[in-house]
Amino acid sequence: MAAADPTDRRKVVVAPVPEALGRIDEVVSPARERIAEVLTAYTPEQLDVLFDYFERAAPAFRAATRQIRTRPRR
């Protein structure tokens, strides 16, 4: 569900629809299945490297996003 932000008309507030939450698995399960198929091609050691990367990269991307959002605009 989406609604206009009460303090900033440029924004939209997105909120979960409780009755639709049960469908999340149904909607994302095809993607999960495909990713599981991809991951089966890697050795346990390679998976360790991949998961280490994802664990480190996600916070780095969030920090970069904050930095981009807070820098002065030209």
N, C-alpha and C. Protein backbone atom coordinates (compact mmCIF):
# COMPACT_ATOMS: atom_id res chain seq x y z
N MET A 1 0.85 -1.17 0.00
CA MET A 1 0.00 0.00 0.00
C MET A 1 0.90 1.24 0.00
N ALA A 2 0.53 2.25 -0.72
CA ALA A 2 1.30 3.47 -0.79
C ALA A 2 0.40 4.66 -0.46
N ALA A 3 0.99 5.63 0.21
CA ALA A 3 0.26 6.85 0.56
C ALA A 3 1.22 8.02 0.48
N ALA A 4 0.68 9.19 0.22
CA ALA A 4 1.51 10.39 0.16
C ALA A 4 2.12 10.67 1.52
N ASP A 5 3.39 11.10 1.53
CA ASP A 5 4.05 11.49 2.77
C ASP A 5 3.38 12.77 3.27
N PRO A 6 2.95 12.81 4.53
CA PRO A 6 2.24 13.99 5.03
C PRO A 6 3.12 15.24 5.14
N THR A 7 4.44 15.08 5.18
CA THR A 7 5.31 16.24 5.34
C THR A 7 6.08 16.62 4.09
N ASP A 8 6.06 15.75 3.06
CA ASP A 8 6.83 16.03 1.85
C ASP A 8 6.08 15.43 0.66
N ARG A 9 5.48 16.26 -0.14
CA ARG A 9 4.64 15.77 -1.24
C ARG A 9 5.44 15.05 -2.33
N ARG A 10 6.77 15.15 -2.30
CA ARG A 10 7.60 14.44 -3.27
C ARG A 10 7.78 12.97 -2.91
N LYS A 11 7.46 12.61 -1.68
CA LYS A 11 7.69 11.25 -1.20
C LYS A 11 6.41 10.44 -1.15
N VAL A 12 6.59 9.14 -1.16
CA VAL A 12 5.49 8.20 -0.99
C VAL A 12 5.88 7.26 0.13
N VAL A 13 4.97 7.00 1.04
CA VAL A 13 5.20 6.07 2.14
C VAL A 13 4.62 4.72 1.71
N VAL A 14 5.47 3.70 1.75
CA VAL A 14 5.05 2.36 1.37
C VAL A 14 4.89 1.54 2.64
N ALA A 15 3.75 0.90 2.78
CA ALA A 15 3.47 0.10 3.97
C ALA A 15 3.02 -1.30 3.54
N PRO A 16 3.38 -2.31 4.34
CA PRO A 16 2.95 -3.67 3.99
C PRO A 16 1.43 -3.80 4.12
N VAL A 17 0.89 -4.69 3.33
CA VAL A 17 -0.53 -5.01 3.41
C VAL A 17 -0.61 -6.36 4.11
N PRO A 18 -1.03 -6.37 5.38
CA PRO A 18 -0.97 -7.60 6.17
C PRO A 18 -1.60 -8.82 5.49
N GLU A 19 -2.71 -8.63 4.83
CA GLU A 19 -3.36 -9.79 4.20
C GLU A 19 -2.59 -10.32 2.98
N ALA A 20 -1.64 -9.55 2.48
CA ALA A 20 -0.84 -9.99 1.34
C ALA A 20 0.49 -10.60 1.76
N LEU A 21 0.88 -10.48 3.03
CA LEU A 21 2.17 -10.98 3.47
C LEU A 21 2.33 -12.48 3.27
N GLY A 22 1.25 -13.22 3.35
CA GLY A 22 1.30 -14.66 3.15
C GLY A 22 1.70 -15.06 1.75
N ARG A 23 1.56 -14.16 0.78
CA ARG A 23 1.89 -14.46 -0.61
C ARG A 23 3.36 -14.20 -0.93
N ILE A 24 4.12 -13.65 0.01
CA ILE A 24 5.52 -13.30 -0.28
C ILE A 24 6.29 -14.52 -0.75
N ASP A 25 6.16 -15.62 -0.06
CA ASP A 25 6.90 -16.82 -0.45
C ASP A 25 6.50 -17.26 -1.85
N GLU A 26 5.22 -17.21 -2.14
CA GLU A 26 4.73 -17.58 -3.47
C GLU A 26 5.35 -16.69 -4.55
N VAL A 27 5.48 -15.42 -4.26
CA VAL A 27 6.00 -14.47 -5.24
C VAL A 27 7.50 -14.62 -5.43
N VAL A 28 8.25 -14.80 -4.35
CA VAL A 28 9.71 -14.84 -4.46
C VAL A 28 10.30 -16.23 -4.61
N SER A 29 9.49 -17.27 -4.43
CA SER A 29 10.05 -18.62 -4.49
C SER A 29 10.68 -18.95 -5.84
N PRO A 30 10.17 -18.50 -6.98
CA PRO A 30 10.88 -18.80 -8.23
C PRO A 30 12.31 -18.23 -8.23
N ALA A 31 12.48 -17.02 -7.73
CA ALA A 31 13.82 -16.43 -7.67
C ALA A 31 14.70 -17.22 -6.70
N ARG A 32 14.16 -17.59 -5.56
CA ARG A 32 14.94 -18.38 -4.60
C ARG A 32 15.39 -19.71 -5.21
N GLU A 33 14.49 -20.34 -5.95
CA GLU A 33 14.83 -21.62 -6.58
C GLU A 33 15.96 -21.45 -7.60
N ARG A 34 15.88 -20.40 -8.41
CA ARG A 34 16.91 -20.18 -9.43
C ARG A 34 18.26 -19.86 -8.78
N ILE A 35 18.25 -19.05 -7.73
CA ILE A 35 19.49 -18.72 -7.03
C ILE A 35 20.08 -19.99 -6.39
N ALA A 36 19.23 -20.83 -5.83
CA ALA A 36 19.72 -22.09 -5.24
C ALA A 36 20.38 -22.95 -6.31
N GLU A 37 19.81 -22.97 -7.51
CA GLU A 37 20.42 -23.72 -8.61
C GLU A 37 21.80 -23.15 -8.95
N VAL A 38 21.92 -21.84 -9.00
CA VAL A 38 23.20 -21.20 -9.30
C VAL A 38 24.23 -21.56 -8.24
N LEU A 39 23.83 -21.50 -6.98
CA LEU A 39 24.76 -21.75 -5.88
C LEU A 39 25.27 -23.18 -5.83
N THR A 40 24.52 -24.12 -6.38
CA THR A 40 24.97 -25.52 -6.36
C THR A 40 26.22 -25.73 -7.21
N ALA A 41 26.53 -24.79 -8.09
CA ALA A 41 27.71 -24.92 -8.96
C ALA A 41 29.00 -24.55 -8.24
N TYR A 42 28.91 -24.02 -7.04
CA TYR A 42 30.10 -23.57 -6.30
C TYR A 42 30.50 -24.56 -5.23
N THR A 43 31.79 -24.62 -4.97
CA THR A 43 32.30 -25.46 -3.89
C THR A 43 32.00 -24.77 -2.55
N PRO A 44 32.07 -25.50 -1.45
CA PRO A 44 31.86 -24.87 -0.15
C PRO A 44 32.84 -23.70 0.09
N GLU A 45 34.06 -23.85 -0.36
CA GLU A 45 35.04 -22.77 -0.18
C GLU A 45 34.66 -21.54 -0.98
N GLN A 46 34.20 -21.75 -2.20
CA GLN A 46 33.77 -20.63 -3.03
C GLN A 46 32.54 -19.95 -2.43
N LEU A 47 31.64 -20.75 -1.90
CA LEU A 47 30.46 -20.17 -1.25
C LEU A 47 30.86 -19.32 -0.05
N ASP A 48 31.87 -19.79 0.70
CA ASP A 48 32.36 -18.99 1.83
C ASP A 48 32.82 -17.62 1.35
N VAL A 49 33.54 -17.58 0.24
CA VAL A 49 34.02 -16.30 -0.31
C VAL A 49 32.84 -15.45 -0.76
N LEU A 50 31.90 -16.06 -1.46
CA LEU A 50 30.73 -15.30 -1.93
C LEU A 50 29.95 -14.70 -0.77
N PHE A 51 29.68 -15.52 0.23
CA PHE A 51 28.89 -15.02 1.36
C PHE A 51 29.65 -13.99 2.17
N ASP A 52 30.97 -14.13 2.26
CA ASP A 52 31.78 -13.11 2.92
C ASP A 52 31.67 -11.79 2.15
N TYR A 53 31.75 -11.88 0.83
CA TYR A 53 31.61 -10.67 0.01
C TYR A 53 30.27 -10.00 0.25
N PHE A 54 29.19 -10.78 0.17
CA PHE A 54 27.86 -10.19 0.36
C PHE A 54 27.70 -9.56 1.74
N GLU A 55 28.27 -10.22 2.74
CA GLU A 55 28.19 -9.70 4.11
C GLU A 55 28.91 -8.37 4.23
N ARG A 56 30.02 -8.23 3.54
CA ARG A 56 30.79 -6.99 3.60
C ARG A 56 30.27 -5.93 2.63
N ALA A 57 29.80 -6.36 1.47
CA ALA A 57 29.37 -5.41 0.43
C ALA A 57 28.07 -4.70 0.79
N ALA A 58 27.14 -5.41 1.40
CA ALA A 58 25.85 -4.78 1.71
C ALA A 58 26.02 -3.54 2.59
N PRO A 59 26.77 -3.60 3.71
CA PRO A 59 26.96 -2.39 4.50
C PRO A 59 27.72 -1.30 3.74
N ALA A 60 28.66 -1.72 2.88
CA ALA A 60 29.41 -0.73 2.10
C ALA A 60 28.47 0.02 1.14
N PHE A 61 27.57 -0.71 0.50
CA PHE A 61 26.61 -0.05 -0.39
C PHE A 61 25.67 0.86 0.38
N ARG A 62 25.25 0.43 1.58
CA ARG A 62 24.37 1.29 2.39
C ARG A 62 25.10 2.56 2.80
N ALA A 63 26.37 2.44 3.20
CA ALA A 63 27.17 3.62 3.58
C ALA A 63 27.35 4.55 2.39
N ALA A 64 27.62 4.00 1.22
CA ALA A 64 27.77 4.82 0.02
C ALA A 64 26.47 5.53 -0.31
N THR A 65 25.36 4.85 -0.14
CA THR A 65 24.06 5.46 -0.40
C THR A 65 23.82 6.63 0.54
N ARG A 66 24.14 6.44 1.83
CA ARG A 66 23.99 7.55 2.79
C ARG A 66 24.87 8.73 2.39
N GLN A 67 26.11 8.42 1.98
CA GLN A 67 27.03 9.46 1.58
C GLN A 67 26.49 10.23 0.36
N ILE A 68 25.98 9.52 -0.60
CA ILE A 68 25.42 10.16 -1.80
C ILE A 68 24.22 11.04 -1.42
N ARG A 69 23.38 10.53 -0.55
CA ARG A 69 22.18 11.28 -0.16
C ARG A 69 22.50 12.54 0.63
N THR A 70 23.60 12.54 1.37
CA THR A 70 23.89 13.68 2.25
C THR A 70 24.86 14.69 1.65
N ARG A 71 25.45 14.39 0.51
CA ARG A 71 26.39 15.37 -0.05
C ARG A 71 25.63 16.54 -0.66
N PRO A 72 26.26 17.70 -0.64
CA PRO A 72 25.58 18.88 -1.19
C PRO A 72 25.26 18.70 -2.67
N ARG A 73 24.13 19.22 -3.05
CA ARG A 73 23.73 19.16 -4.46
C ARG A 73 24.25 20.39 -5.18
N ARG A 74 24.53 20.20 -6.44
CA ARG A 74 25.05 21.32 -7.24
C ARG A 74 23.94 22.06 -7.93
